Amino acid sequence: MLGPETSDERLMLAFQAGDARAFEALVRRHRTPVFNFILRFVGQRARAEDVLQETWLKVVRSAGEYQAKARFTTWVYTIARNLCVDSARKESYRQAASLESPVSGVDGEEGRALADALPDSGASPERGAYNARLRPLLERALASLPEEQREVFILREYSGIPFKEIADVTGVSENTVKSRMRYALDGLRRRLAELGVDGDLAEDGRTVVG
């Protein structure tokens, strides 16, 4: 019997067997993080919504090809990432301004923003005001990264995907993924400094303030 604790892989196998409820559970579980990844990759909400729809359609059409030895998250993010690359090739420009606003998922849930990873020192009004000011600056800094660095950072920090899985999604070695993450952090540090943000980014991507 399927329930909240059922793994993604078991849900996908159930969907292969014809259980439409299993697919609905997978969409509910992953639509917001997948949407946030797509939005930050393509940089335009309308395009992101189209790519998100294409992603789930491809999950349905390719369900018979899924094998349980592969993690569902690796599989679905690979699909989403490849569709993002195709979309970027078709439309070379990116509207960075759309990345400066807080991101909401298609179901109205607010996506995880970089500023949400800030240390919480008692949720003081001062810290809340700082985070509110910092969020759009972090989004701008993220949009300025090269594509290969940005996608690694988004998969790691926004979607919580382990480095090994990111390597499978992007088709490069785990060492290359870690190297891109380091470059991404360095680039974010420099860009945030240019934008007048005090503080630093730790190795896990979280912002550390004095």
N, C-alpha and C. Protein backbone atom coordinates (compact mmCIF):
# COMPACT_ATOMS: atom_id res chain seq x y z
N MET A 1 0.84 -1.20 0.00
CA MET A 1 0.00 0.00 0.00
C MET A 1 0.88 1.25 0.00
N LEU A 2 0.52 2.20 -0.85
CA LEU A 2 1.31 3.41 -0.96
C LEU A 2 0.91 4.41 0.12
N GLY A 3 1.91 5.13 0.66
CA GLY A 3 1.65 6.11 1.69
C GLY A 3 2.68 7.21 1.65
N PRO A 4 2.65 8.14 2.61
CA PRO A 4 3.59 9.27 2.63
C PRO A 4 5.04 8.83 2.71
N GLU A 5 5.29 7.66 3.30
CA GLU A 5 6.67 7.20 3.46
C GLU A 5 7.15 6.37 2.28
N THR A 6 6.30 6.15 1.31
CA THR A 6 6.69 5.35 0.15
C THR A 6 7.78 6.07 -0.63
N SER A 7 8.82 5.36 -1.00
CA SER A 7 9.94 5.98 -1.71
C SER A 7 9.51 6.40 -3.11
N ASP A 8 10.26 7.36 -3.66
CA ASP A 8 10.01 7.80 -5.03
C ASP A 8 10.10 6.63 -6.00
N GLU A 9 11.07 5.76 -5.77
CA GLU A 9 11.29 4.65 -6.69
C GLU A 9 10.10 3.68 -6.68
N ARG A 10 9.56 3.40 -5.50
CA ARG A 10 8.38 2.52 -5.43
C ARG A 10 7.17 3.18 -6.06
N LEU A 11 7.05 4.49 -5.88
CA LEU A 11 5.94 5.21 -6.52
C LEU A 11 6.05 5.12 -8.04
N MET A 12 7.26 5.27 -8.55
CA MET A 12 7.44 5.22 -10.00
C MET A 12 7.13 3.83 -10.53
N LEU A 13 7.53 2.80 -9.80
CA LEU A 13 7.22 1.44 -10.22
C LEU A 13 5.71 1.18 -10.18
N ALA A 14 5.04 1.75 -9.18
CA ALA A 14 3.58 1.62 -9.09
C ALA A 14 2.92 2.32 -10.28
N PHE A 15 3.46 3.46 -10.66
CA PHE A 15 2.92 4.17 -11.82
C PHE A 15 3.13 3.35 -13.09
N GLN A 16 4.29 2.71 -13.21
CA GLN A 16 4.54 1.83 -14.35
C GLN A 16 3.48 0.74 -14.43
N ALA A 17 3.03 0.29 -13.26
CA ALA A 17 2.04 -0.78 -13.19
C ALA A 17 0.62 -0.28 -13.39
N GLY A 18 0.46 1.04 -13.60
CA GLY A 18 -0.85 1.57 -13.91
C GLY A 18 -1.54 2.34 -12.81
N ASP A 19 -0.83 2.63 -11.71
CA ASP A 19 -1.45 3.37 -10.60
C ASP A 19 -1.25 4.87 -10.81
N ALA A 20 -2.29 5.54 -11.28
CA ALA A 20 -2.20 6.97 -11.55
C ALA A 20 -1.98 7.77 -10.29
N ARG A 21 -2.44 7.26 -9.15
CA ARG A 21 -2.27 7.98 -7.89
C ARG A 21 -0.79 8.09 -7.52
N ALA A 22 -0.01 7.11 -7.91
CA ALA A 22 1.43 7.14 -7.63
C ALA A 22 2.08 8.30 -8.37
N PHE A 23 1.67 8.51 -9.61
CA PHE A 23 2.21 9.64 -10.38
C PHE A 23 1.81 10.96 -9.74
N GLU A 24 0.56 11.07 -9.32
CA GLU A 24 0.09 12.29 -8.67
C GLU A 24 0.91 12.57 -7.40
N ALA A 25 1.26 11.52 -6.66
CA ALA A 25 2.06 11.69 -5.45
C ALA A 25 3.46 12.19 -5.79
N LEU A 26 4.05 11.68 -6.87
CA LEU A 26 5.37 12.13 -7.29
C LEU A 26 5.34 13.60 -7.70
N VAL A 27 4.30 14.00 -8.41
CA VAL A 27 4.19 15.40 -8.84
C VAL A 27 4.05 16.30 -7.63
N ARG A 28 3.19 15.92 -6.68
CA ARG A 28 3.02 16.74 -5.47
C ARG A 28 4.34 16.87 -4.72
N ARG A 29 5.10 15.82 -4.68
CA ARG A 29 6.34 15.79 -3.90
C ARG A 29 7.45 16.61 -4.54
N HIS A 30 7.49 16.66 -5.86
CA HIS A 30 8.67 17.22 -6.54
C HIS A 30 8.38 18.42 -7.43
N ARG A 31 7.14 18.79 -7.63
CA ARG A 31 6.88 19.84 -8.63
C ARG A 31 7.50 21.18 -8.25
N THR A 32 7.47 21.55 -6.96
CA THR A 32 8.01 22.86 -6.60
C THR A 32 9.54 22.92 -6.74
N PRO A 33 10.30 21.97 -6.17
CA PRO A 33 11.76 22.05 -6.38
C PRO A 33 12.17 21.91 -7.84
N VAL A 34 11.47 21.07 -8.60
CA VAL A 34 11.79 20.94 -10.02
C VAL A 34 11.49 22.25 -10.75
N PHE A 35 10.36 22.86 -10.42
CA PHE A 35 10.02 24.14 -11.04
C PHE A 35 11.05 25.21 -10.71
N ASN A 36 11.48 25.27 -9.46
CA ASN A 36 12.47 26.27 -9.06
C ASN A 36 13.78 26.07 -9.80
N PHE A 37 14.18 24.81 -9.98
CA PHE A 37 15.39 24.53 -10.74
C PHE A 37 15.24 25.02 -12.18
N ILE A 38 14.11 24.69 -12.80
CA ILE A 38 13.88 25.08 -14.20
C ILE A 38 13.84 26.60 -14.33
N LEU A 39 13.14 27.28 -13.43
CA LEU A 39 13.01 28.74 -13.51
C LEU A 39 14.37 29.41 -13.43
N ARG A 40 15.21 28.97 -12.52
CA ARG A 40 16.52 29.59 -12.36
C ARG A 40 17.46 29.21 -13.50
N PHE A 41 17.15 28.13 -14.20
CA PHE A 41 17.96 27.74 -15.35
C PHE A 41 17.58 28.57 -16.57
N VAL A 42 16.28 28.66 -16.89
CA VAL A 42 15.86 29.34 -18.12
C VAL A 42 15.65 30.83 -17.92
N GLY A 43 15.37 31.27 -16.67
CA GLY A 43 15.32 32.69 -16.37
C GLY A 43 14.05 33.40 -16.74
N GLN A 44 13.02 32.68 -17.14
CA GLN A 44 11.77 33.33 -17.55
C GLN A 44 10.61 32.44 -17.14
N ARG A 45 9.67 33.01 -16.40
CA ARG A 45 8.61 32.18 -15.79
C ARG A 45 7.76 31.45 -16.82
N ALA A 46 7.35 32.13 -17.88
CA ALA A 46 6.49 31.48 -18.88
C ALA A 46 7.20 30.28 -19.50
N ARG A 47 8.47 30.47 -19.83
CA ARG A 47 9.24 29.37 -20.40
C ARG A 47 9.42 28.27 -19.38
N ALA A 48 9.64 28.63 -18.13
CA ALA A 48 9.82 27.63 -17.08
C ALA A 48 8.57 26.78 -16.90
N GLU A 49 7.41 27.40 -16.96
CA GLU A 49 6.17 26.64 -16.82
C GLU A 49 5.99 25.68 -17.99
N ASP A 50 6.38 26.12 -19.20
CA ASP A 50 6.30 25.23 -20.37
C ASP A 50 7.24 24.05 -20.21
N VAL A 51 8.47 24.33 -19.76
CA VAL A 51 9.45 23.25 -19.58
C VAL A 51 9.00 22.30 -18.48
N LEU A 52 8.41 22.84 -17.42
CA LEU A 52 7.91 21.98 -16.35
C LEU A 52 6.85 21.02 -16.88
N GLN A 53 5.92 21.53 -17.68
CA GLN A 53 4.89 20.68 -18.26
C GLN A 53 5.51 19.61 -19.16
N GLU A 54 6.49 20.02 -19.97
CA GLU A 54 7.17 19.06 -20.84
C GLU A 54 7.88 18.00 -20.02
N THR A 55 8.45 18.41 -18.88
CA THR A 55 9.16 17.45 -18.02
C THR A 55 8.22 16.35 -17.54
N TRP A 56 7.07 16.73 -17.01
CA TRP A 56 6.14 15.71 -16.49
C TRP A 56 5.54 14.89 -17.62
N LEU A 57 5.32 15.51 -18.79
CA LEU A 57 4.83 14.75 -19.93
C LEU A 57 5.85 13.69 -20.35
N LYS A 58 7.12 14.07 -20.31
CA LYS A 58 8.16 13.11 -20.68
C LYS A 58 8.28 12.01 -19.63
N VAL A 59 8.07 12.35 -18.36
CA VAL A 59 8.06 11.31 -17.33
C VAL A 59 6.98 10.28 -17.65
N VAL A 60 5.80 10.76 -18.04
CA VAL A 60 4.71 9.85 -18.38
C VAL A 60 5.06 9.01 -19.60
N ARG A 61 5.55 9.67 -20.65
CA ARG A 61 5.84 8.96 -21.89
C ARG A 61 7.00 7.99 -21.75
N SER A 62 7.95 8.30 -20.85
CA SER A 62 9.15 7.47 -20.70
C SER A 62 9.06 6.55 -19.49
N ALA A 63 7.89 6.46 -18.89
CA ALA A 63 7.75 5.67 -17.66
C ALA A 63 8.22 4.23 -17.85
N GLY A 64 7.96 3.67 -19.01
CA GLY A 64 8.35 2.29 -19.26
C GLY A 64 9.85 2.08 -19.31
N GLU A 65 10.60 3.16 -19.52
CA GLU A 65 12.06 3.05 -19.60
C GLU A 65 12.73 3.15 -18.24
N TYR A 66 11.97 3.61 -17.23
CA TYR A 66 12.56 3.80 -15.90
C TYR A 66 12.92 2.47 -15.27
N GLN A 67 14.11 2.41 -14.67
CA GLN A 67 14.55 1.22 -13.94
C GLN A 67 14.82 1.59 -12.50
N ALA A 68 14.39 0.74 -11.60
CA ALA A 68 14.45 1.07 -10.17
C ALA A 68 15.86 1.26 -9.65
N LYS A 69 16.86 0.78 -10.38
CA LYS A 69 18.24 0.95 -9.91
C LYS A 69 18.66 2.42 -9.96
N ALA A 70 17.93 3.23 -10.71
CA ALA A 70 18.22 4.67 -10.78
C ALA A 70 17.32 5.41 -9.81
N ARG A 71 17.89 6.36 -9.07
CA ARG A 71 17.09 7.19 -8.18
C ARG A 71 16.13 8.03 -9.03
N PHE A 72 14.90 8.17 -8.56
CA PHE A 72 13.91 8.93 -9.32
C PHE A 72 14.36 10.38 -9.47
N THR A 73 14.94 10.96 -8.40
CA THR A 73 15.35 12.35 -8.48
C THR A 73 16.41 12.55 -9.57
N THR A 74 17.36 11.63 -9.66
CA THR A 74 18.37 11.73 -10.71
C THR A 74 17.71 11.69 -12.08
N TRP A 75 16.76 10.79 -12.23
CA TRP A 75 16.09 10.60 -13.52
C TRP A 75 15.28 11.84 -13.90
N VAL A 76 14.46 12.35 -12.98
CA VAL A 76 13.59 13.47 -13.33
C VAL A 76 14.38 14.76 -13.54
N TYR A 77 15.45 14.98 -12.74
CA TYR A 77 16.25 16.18 -12.93
C TYR A 77 17.07 16.10 -14.22
N THR A 78 17.45 14.91 -14.63
CA THR A 78 18.12 14.77 -15.92
C THR A 78 17.19 15.15 -17.05
N ILE A 79 15.94 14.70 -16.97
CA ILE A 79 14.94 15.07 -17.97
C ILE A 79 14.76 16.58 -17.99
N ALA A 80 14.55 17.17 -16.81
CA ALA A 80 14.33 18.62 -16.72
C ALA A 80 15.53 19.39 -17.24
N ARG A 81 16.71 18.96 -16.87
CA ARG A 81 17.93 19.67 -17.28
C ARG A 81 18.09 19.62 -18.79
N ASN A 82 17.87 18.47 -19.40
CA ASN A 82 18.01 18.36 -20.85
C ASN A 82 16.98 19.23 -21.58
N LEU A 83 15.77 19.29 -21.06
CA LEU A 83 14.75 20.15 -21.66
C LEU A 83 15.11 21.63 -21.50
N CYS A 84 15.72 21.98 -20.37
CA CYS A 84 16.19 23.35 -20.15
C CYS A 84 17.25 23.72 -21.18
N VAL A 85 18.19 22.81 -21.40
CA VAL A 85 19.25 23.07 -22.38
C VAL A 85 18.65 23.26 -23.77
N ASP A 86 17.69 22.42 -24.13
CA ASP A 86 17.03 22.55 -25.43
C ASP A 86 16.33 23.90 -25.54
N SER A 87 15.66 24.30 -24.46
CA SER A 87 14.93 25.57 -24.46
C SER A 87 15.90 26.73 -24.61
N ALA A 88 17.04 26.65 -23.90
CA ALA A 88 18.03 27.73 -23.97
C ALA A 88 18.62 27.86 -25.36
N ARG A 89 18.77 26.74 -26.05
CA ARG A 89 19.30 26.79 -27.41
C ARG A 89 18.32 27.46 -28.36
N LYS A 90 17.03 27.23 -28.11
CA LYS A 90 16.01 27.81 -28.99
C LYS A 90 15.84 29.30 -28.73
N GLU A 91 16.10 29.69 -27.50
CA GLU A 91 15.90 31.10 -27.13
C GLU A 91 17.12 31.58 -26.38
N SER A 92 18.00 32.28 -27.06
CA SER A 92 19.33 32.58 -26.53
C SER A 92 19.33 33.64 -25.45
N TYR A 93 18.32 34.45 -25.37
CA TYR A 93 18.34 35.51 -24.37
C TYR A 93 17.74 35.02 -23.06
N ARG A 94 18.10 35.67 -22.00
CA ARG A 94 17.58 35.34 -20.66
C ARG A 94 17.20 36.64 -19.96
N GLN A 95 16.03 36.70 -19.37
CA GLN A 95 15.58 37.89 -18.67
C GLN A 95 15.95 37.77 -17.19
N ALA A 96 17.12 38.34 -16.87
CA ALA A 96 17.62 38.22 -15.50
C ALA A 96 16.70 38.89 -14.49
N ALA A 97 15.95 39.91 -14.93
CA ALA A 97 15.10 40.63 -13.99
C ALA A 97 14.08 39.73 -13.34
N SER A 98 13.64 38.67 -14.05
CA SER A 98 12.64 37.78 -13.48
C SER A 98 13.18 36.97 -12.33
N LEU A 99 14.51 36.91 -12.20
CA LEU A 99 15.12 36.16 -11.12
C LEU A 99 15.25 36.99 -9.84
N GLU A 100 14.96 38.29 -9.94
CA GLU A 100 15.18 39.14 -8.78
C GLU A 100 14.04 39.09 -7.78
N SER A 101 12.91 38.49 -8.18
CA SER A 101 11.77 38.41 -7.27
C SER A 101 11.74 37.05 -6.60
N PRO A 102 11.13 36.96 -5.41
CA PRO A 102 11.02 35.65 -4.75
C PRO A 102 10.31 34.67 -5.66
N VAL A 103 10.72 33.43 -5.61
CA VAL A 103 10.20 32.42 -6.52
C VAL A 103 9.10 31.63 -5.85
N SER A 104 7.99 31.43 -6.54
CA SER A 104 6.91 30.61 -6.04
C SER A 104 6.75 29.40 -6.93
N GLY A 105 6.40 28.28 -6.35
CA GLY A 105 6.14 27.08 -7.12
C GLY A 105 4.80 27.20 -7.81
N VAL A 106 4.50 26.26 -8.70
CA VAL A 106 3.26 26.32 -9.46
C VAL A 106 2.05 26.12 -8.57
N ASP A 107 2.25 25.57 -7.38
CA ASP A 107 1.12 25.35 -6.48
C ASP A 107 1.03 26.46 -5.45
N GLY A 108 1.79 27.55 -5.65
CA GLY A 108 1.70 28.69 -4.75
C GLY A 108 2.65 28.62 -3.58
N GLU A 109 3.39 27.52 -3.43
CA GLU A 109 4.35 27.42 -2.34
C GLU A 109 5.58 28.22 -2.70
N GLU A 110 6.11 28.95 -1.75
CA GLU A 110 7.32 29.72 -2.01
C GLU A 110 8.50 28.80 -2.10
N GLY A 111 9.28 28.96 -3.18
CA GLY A 111 10.46 28.15 -3.35
C GLY A 111 11.54 28.56 -2.37
N ARG A 112 12.47 27.64 -2.11
CA ARG A 112 13.56 27.94 -1.19
C ARG A 112 14.49 28.96 -1.81
N ALA A 113 14.71 30.07 -1.17
CA ALA A 113 15.61 31.10 -1.65
C ALA A 113 16.93 30.99 -0.90
N LEU A 114 17.97 31.53 -1.50
CA LEU A 114 19.27 31.48 -0.85
C LEU A 114 19.22 32.10 0.53
N ALA A 115 18.49 33.18 0.66
CA ALA A 115 18.45 33.84 1.95
C ALA A 115 17.80 32.99 3.02
N ASP A 116 16.99 31.99 2.60
CA ASP A 116 16.38 31.11 3.59
C ASP A 116 17.42 30.25 4.29
N ALA A 117 18.61 30.15 3.69
CA ALA A 117 19.67 29.34 4.28
C ALA A 117 20.51 30.12 5.27
N LEU A 118 20.18 31.36 5.48
CA LEU A 118 20.93 32.16 6.44
C LEU A 118 20.75 31.64 7.86
N PRO A 119 21.78 31.74 8.69
CA PRO A 119 21.62 31.34 10.08
C PRO A 119 20.51 32.13 10.74
N ASP A 120 19.72 31.47 11.55
CA ASP A 120 18.59 32.11 12.20
C ASP A 120 18.96 32.42 13.64
N SER A 121 19.22 33.68 13.91
CA SER A 121 19.60 34.07 15.26
C SER A 121 18.36 34.57 16.01
N GLY A 122 17.44 33.61 16.25
CA GLY A 122 16.26 33.96 17.00
C GLY A 122 15.22 34.68 16.19
N ALA A 123 15.34 34.64 14.84
CA ALA A 123 14.36 35.27 13.95
C ALA A 123 14.05 36.70 14.38
N SER A 124 15.08 37.48 14.71
CA SER A 124 14.89 38.85 15.15
C SER A 124 14.41 39.71 13.99
N PRO A 125 13.73 40.82 14.30
CA PRO A 125 13.30 41.72 13.23
C PRO A 125 14.47 42.21 12.39
N GLU A 126 15.63 42.42 13.04
CA GLU A 126 16.79 42.89 12.29
C GLU A 126 17.24 41.84 11.27
N ARG A 127 17.26 40.56 11.71
CA ARG A 127 17.66 39.51 10.79
C ARG A 127 16.64 39.34 9.67
N GLY A 128 15.35 39.46 10.01
CA GLY A 128 14.33 39.36 8.98
C GLY A 128 14.47 40.44 7.94
N ALA A 129 14.75 41.66 8.37
CA ALA A 129 14.93 42.76 7.44
C ALA A 129 16.17 42.55 6.58
N TYR A 130 17.23 42.02 7.20
CA TYR A 130 18.47 41.75 6.45
C TYR A 130 18.21 40.71 5.36
N ASN A 131 17.50 39.62 5.73
CA ASN A 131 17.22 38.57 4.76
C ASN A 131 16.36 39.09 3.61
N ALA A 132 15.38 39.95 3.93
CA ALA A 132 14.52 40.50 2.89
C ALA A 132 15.31 41.36 1.92
N ARG A 133 16.30 42.10 2.43
CA ARG A 133 17.14 42.91 1.55
C ARG A 133 18.10 42.04 0.74
N LEU A 134 18.57 40.96 1.37
CA LEU A 134 19.59 40.14 0.75
C LEU A 134 19.04 39.25 -0.37
N ARG A 135 17.80 38.79 -0.23
CA ARG A 135 17.27 37.81 -1.17
C ARG A 135 17.40 38.23 -2.64
N PRO A 136 16.91 39.41 -3.05
CA PRO A 136 17.04 39.76 -4.47
C PRO A 136 18.48 39.93 -4.91
N LEU A 137 19.37 40.35 -4.00
CA LEU A 137 20.78 40.48 -4.36
C LEU A 137 21.40 39.11 -4.61
N LEU A 138 21.01 38.14 -3.79
CA LEU A 138 21.50 36.78 -3.99
C LEU A 138 21.00 36.22 -5.32
N GLU A 139 19.76 36.50 -5.64
CA GLU A 139 19.22 36.02 -6.91
C GLU A 139 19.96 36.65 -8.09
N ARG A 140 20.27 37.94 -7.99
CA ARG A 140 21.02 38.62 -9.06
C ARG A 140 22.41 38.02 -9.20
N ALA A 141 23.04 37.77 -8.07
CA ALA A 141 24.38 37.18 -8.10
C ALA A 141 24.34 35.79 -8.74
N LEU A 142 23.32 35.03 -8.40
CA LEU A 142 23.18 33.69 -8.96
C LEU A 142 22.98 33.74 -10.47
N ALA A 143 22.16 34.68 -10.93
CA ALA A 143 21.89 34.81 -12.36
C ALA A 143 23.13 35.17 -13.15
N SER A 144 24.13 35.76 -12.49
CA SER A 144 25.34 36.18 -13.19
C SER A 144 26.35 35.05 -13.38
N LEU A 145 26.12 33.91 -12.74
CA LEU A 145 27.06 32.79 -12.86
C LEU A 145 26.99 32.15 -14.24
N PRO A 146 28.10 31.57 -14.71
CA PRO A 146 28.04 30.76 -15.93
C PRO A 146 27.05 29.61 -15.74
N GLU A 147 26.45 29.19 -16.83
CA GLU A 147 25.37 28.20 -16.77
C GLU A 147 25.77 26.92 -16.04
N GLU A 148 26.98 26.40 -16.34
CA GLU A 148 27.36 25.12 -15.75
C GLU A 148 27.58 25.23 -14.24
N GLN A 149 28.00 26.42 -13.78
CA GLN A 149 28.16 26.63 -12.34
C GLN A 149 26.82 26.86 -11.67
N ARG A 150 25.96 27.61 -12.33
CA ARG A 150 24.66 27.92 -11.76
C ARG A 150 23.83 26.64 -11.58
N GLU A 151 23.83 25.76 -12.57
CA GLU A 151 23.01 24.57 -12.46
C GLU A 151 23.49 23.67 -11.31
N VAL A 152 24.81 23.58 -11.12
CA VAL A 152 25.32 22.78 -10.00
C VAL A 152 24.89 23.40 -8.68
N PHE A 153 25.02 24.71 -8.56
CA PHE A 153 24.64 25.38 -7.31
C PHE A 153 23.15 25.21 -7.03
N ILE A 154 22.32 25.37 -8.06
CA ILE A 154 20.87 25.23 -7.88
C ILE A 154 20.51 23.82 -7.46
N LEU A 155 21.07 22.82 -8.14
CA LEU A 155 20.76 21.43 -7.80
C LEU A 155 21.19 21.10 -6.38
N ARG A 156 22.34 21.64 -5.97
CA ARG A 156 22.87 21.34 -4.64
C ARG A 156 22.12 22.10 -3.55
N GLU A 157 21.98 23.42 -3.71
CA GLU A 157 21.47 24.26 -2.63
C GLU A 157 19.96 24.43 -2.64
N TYR A 158 19.36 24.45 -3.80
CA TYR A 158 17.91 24.64 -3.87
C TYR A 158 17.17 23.30 -3.83
N SER A 159 17.73 22.31 -4.52
CA SER A 159 17.04 21.02 -4.62
C SER A 159 17.61 19.97 -3.68
N GLY A 160 18.78 20.24 -3.08
CA GLY A 160 19.36 19.30 -2.11
C GLY A 160 19.87 18.01 -2.72
N ILE A 161 20.28 18.05 -3.98
CA ILE A 161 20.76 16.86 -4.66
C ILE A 161 22.23 16.62 -4.30
N PRO A 162 22.60 15.41 -3.89
CA PRO A 162 24.01 15.13 -3.58
C PRO A 162 24.91 15.29 -4.80
N PHE A 163 26.19 15.55 -4.55
CA PHE A 163 27.13 15.76 -5.64
C PHE A 163 27.17 14.57 -6.61
N LYS A 164 27.11 13.36 -6.07
CA LYS A 164 27.17 12.18 -6.94
C LYS A 164 26.00 12.15 -7.92
N GLU A 165 24.82 12.50 -7.43
CA GLU A 165 23.65 12.53 -8.31
C GLU A 165 23.74 13.68 -9.31
N ILE A 166 24.27 14.82 -8.86
CA ILE A 166 24.44 15.95 -9.78
C ILE A 166 25.36 15.55 -10.93
N ALA A 167 26.39 14.76 -10.62
CA ALA A 167 27.28 14.28 -11.67
C ALA A 167 26.52 13.44 -12.68
N ASP A 168 25.60 12.60 -12.21
CA ASP A 168 24.78 11.79 -13.12
C ASP A 168 23.85 12.67 -13.95
N VAL A 169 23.28 13.69 -13.32
CA VAL A 169 22.35 14.57 -14.02
C VAL A 169 23.05 15.37 -15.11
N THR A 170 24.23 15.89 -14.79
CA THR A 170 24.93 16.78 -15.72
C THR A 170 25.87 16.05 -16.67
N GLY A 171 26.15 14.78 -16.40
CA GLY A 171 26.99 14.00 -17.29
C GLY A 171 28.47 14.29 -17.18
N VAL A 172 28.91 14.77 -16.01
CA VAL A 172 30.33 15.01 -15.78
C VAL A 172 30.73 14.27 -14.51
N SER A 173 32.03 14.26 -14.21
CA SER A 173 32.51 13.54 -13.04
C SER A 173 32.12 14.28 -11.75
N GLU A 174 32.13 13.55 -10.65
CA GLU A 174 31.82 14.16 -9.36
C GLU A 174 32.85 15.22 -9.00
N ASN A 175 34.11 14.99 -9.34
CA ASN A 175 35.15 15.99 -9.07
C ASN A 175 34.89 17.27 -9.86
N THR A 176 34.43 17.12 -11.09
CA THR A 176 34.11 18.30 -11.90
C THR A 176 32.94 19.06 -11.28
N VAL A 177 31.96 18.33 -10.79
CA VAL A 177 30.81 18.96 -10.12
C VAL A 177 31.29 19.76 -8.91
N LYS A 178 32.14 19.18 -8.09
CA LYS A 178 32.64 19.86 -6.90
C LYS A 178 33.47 21.09 -7.28
N SER A 179 34.23 20.97 -8.37
CA SER A 179 35.01 22.10 -8.84
C SER A 179 34.09 23.24 -9.29
N ARG A 180 33.03 22.90 -10.00
CA ARG A 180 32.08 23.92 -10.45
C ARG A 180 31.39 24.58 -9.26
N MET A 181 31.14 23.79 -8.22
CA MET A 181 30.52 24.36 -7.02
C MET A 181 31.46 25.36 -6.37
N ARG A 182 32.75 25.03 -6.30
CA ARG A 182 33.72 25.96 -5.71
C ARG A 182 33.80 27.25 -6.53
N TYR A 183 33.84 27.11 -7.85
CA TYR A 183 33.85 28.30 -8.70
C TYR A 183 32.58 29.12 -8.53
N ALA A 184 31.44 28.42 -8.38
CA ALA A 184 30.17 29.12 -8.17
C ALA A 184 30.20 29.93 -6.88
N LEU A 185 30.72 29.33 -5.81
CA LEU A 185 30.80 30.03 -4.53
C LEU A 185 31.73 31.23 -4.63
N ASP A 186 32.87 31.06 -5.32
CA ASP A 186 33.79 32.18 -5.50
C ASP A 186 33.12 33.30 -6.29
N GLY A 187 32.41 32.92 -7.35
CA GLY A 187 31.74 33.92 -8.17
C GLY A 187 30.65 34.65 -7.40
N LEU A 188 29.92 33.92 -6.56
CA LEU A 188 28.88 34.55 -5.75
C LEU A 188 29.49 35.50 -4.73
N ARG A 189 30.60 35.11 -4.13
CA ARG A 189 31.29 35.99 -3.17
C ARG A 189 31.65 37.32 -3.84
N ARG A 190 32.25 37.20 -5.03
CA ARG A 190 32.69 38.42 -5.73
C ARG A 190 31.50 39.29 -6.12
N ARG A 191 30.46 38.66 -6.65
CA ARG A 191 29.31 39.43 -7.10
C ARG A 191 28.57 40.08 -5.93
N LEU A 192 28.45 39.35 -4.82
CA LEU A 192 27.79 39.92 -3.64
C LEU A 192 28.59 41.08 -3.07
N ALA A 193 29.92 40.95 -3.12
CA ALA A 193 30.75 42.07 -2.66
C ALA A 193 30.54 43.29 -3.53
N GLU A 194 30.42 43.08 -4.83
CA GLU A 194 30.16 44.20 -5.74
C GLU A 194 28.82 44.85 -5.45
N LEU A 195 27.86 44.04 -4.99
CA LEU A 195 26.53 44.55 -4.68
C LEU A 195 26.43 45.13 -3.27
N GLY A 196 27.58 45.11 -2.55
CA GLY A 196 27.62 45.72 -1.23
C GLY A 196 27.11 44.86 -0.10
N VAL A 197 27.14 43.54 -0.27
CA VAL A 197 26.67 42.64 0.78
C VAL A 197 27.84 42.28 1.68
N ASP A 198 27.68 42.51 2.98
CA ASP A 198 28.69 42.11 3.94
C ASP A 198 28.52 40.63 4.25
N GLY A 199 29.60 39.96 4.51
CA GLY A 199 29.52 38.56 4.88
C GLY A 199 30.21 37.70 3.84
N ASP A 200 30.01 36.38 3.95
CA ASP A 200 30.71 35.45 3.10
C ASP A 200 29.85 34.22 2.89
N LEU A 201 30.25 33.41 1.93
CA LEU A 201 29.57 32.15 1.67
C LEU A 201 30.46 31.01 2.15
N ALA A 202 29.90 30.18 2.99
CA ALA A 202 30.65 29.03 3.47
C ALA A 202 30.72 27.97 2.38
N GLU A 203 31.47 26.90 2.64
CA GLU A 203 31.68 25.88 1.63
C GLU A 203 30.41 25.15 1.25
N ASP A 204 29.40 25.14 2.12
CA ASP A 204 28.16 24.47 1.78
C ASP A 204 27.18 25.41 1.08
N GLY A 205 27.62 26.64 0.78
CA GLY A 205 26.79 27.55 0.03
C GLY A 205 25.95 28.46 0.89
N ARG A 206 25.96 28.26 2.18
CA ARG A 206 25.16 29.11 3.05
C ARG A 206 25.86 30.44 3.26
N THR A 207 25.07 31.47 3.48
CA THR A 207 25.62 32.78 3.71
C THR A 207 25.92 32.97 5.18
N VAL A 208 27.12 33.42 5.49
CA VAL A 208 27.54 33.63 6.87
C VAL A 208 27.77 35.11 7.06
N VAL A 209 27.13 35.68 8.02
CA VAL A 209 27.27 37.12 8.25
C VAL A 209 27.94 37.34 9.58
N GLY A 210 28.58 38.50 9.67
CA GLY A 210 29.26 38.82 10.89
C GLY A 210 28.34 39.36 11.95
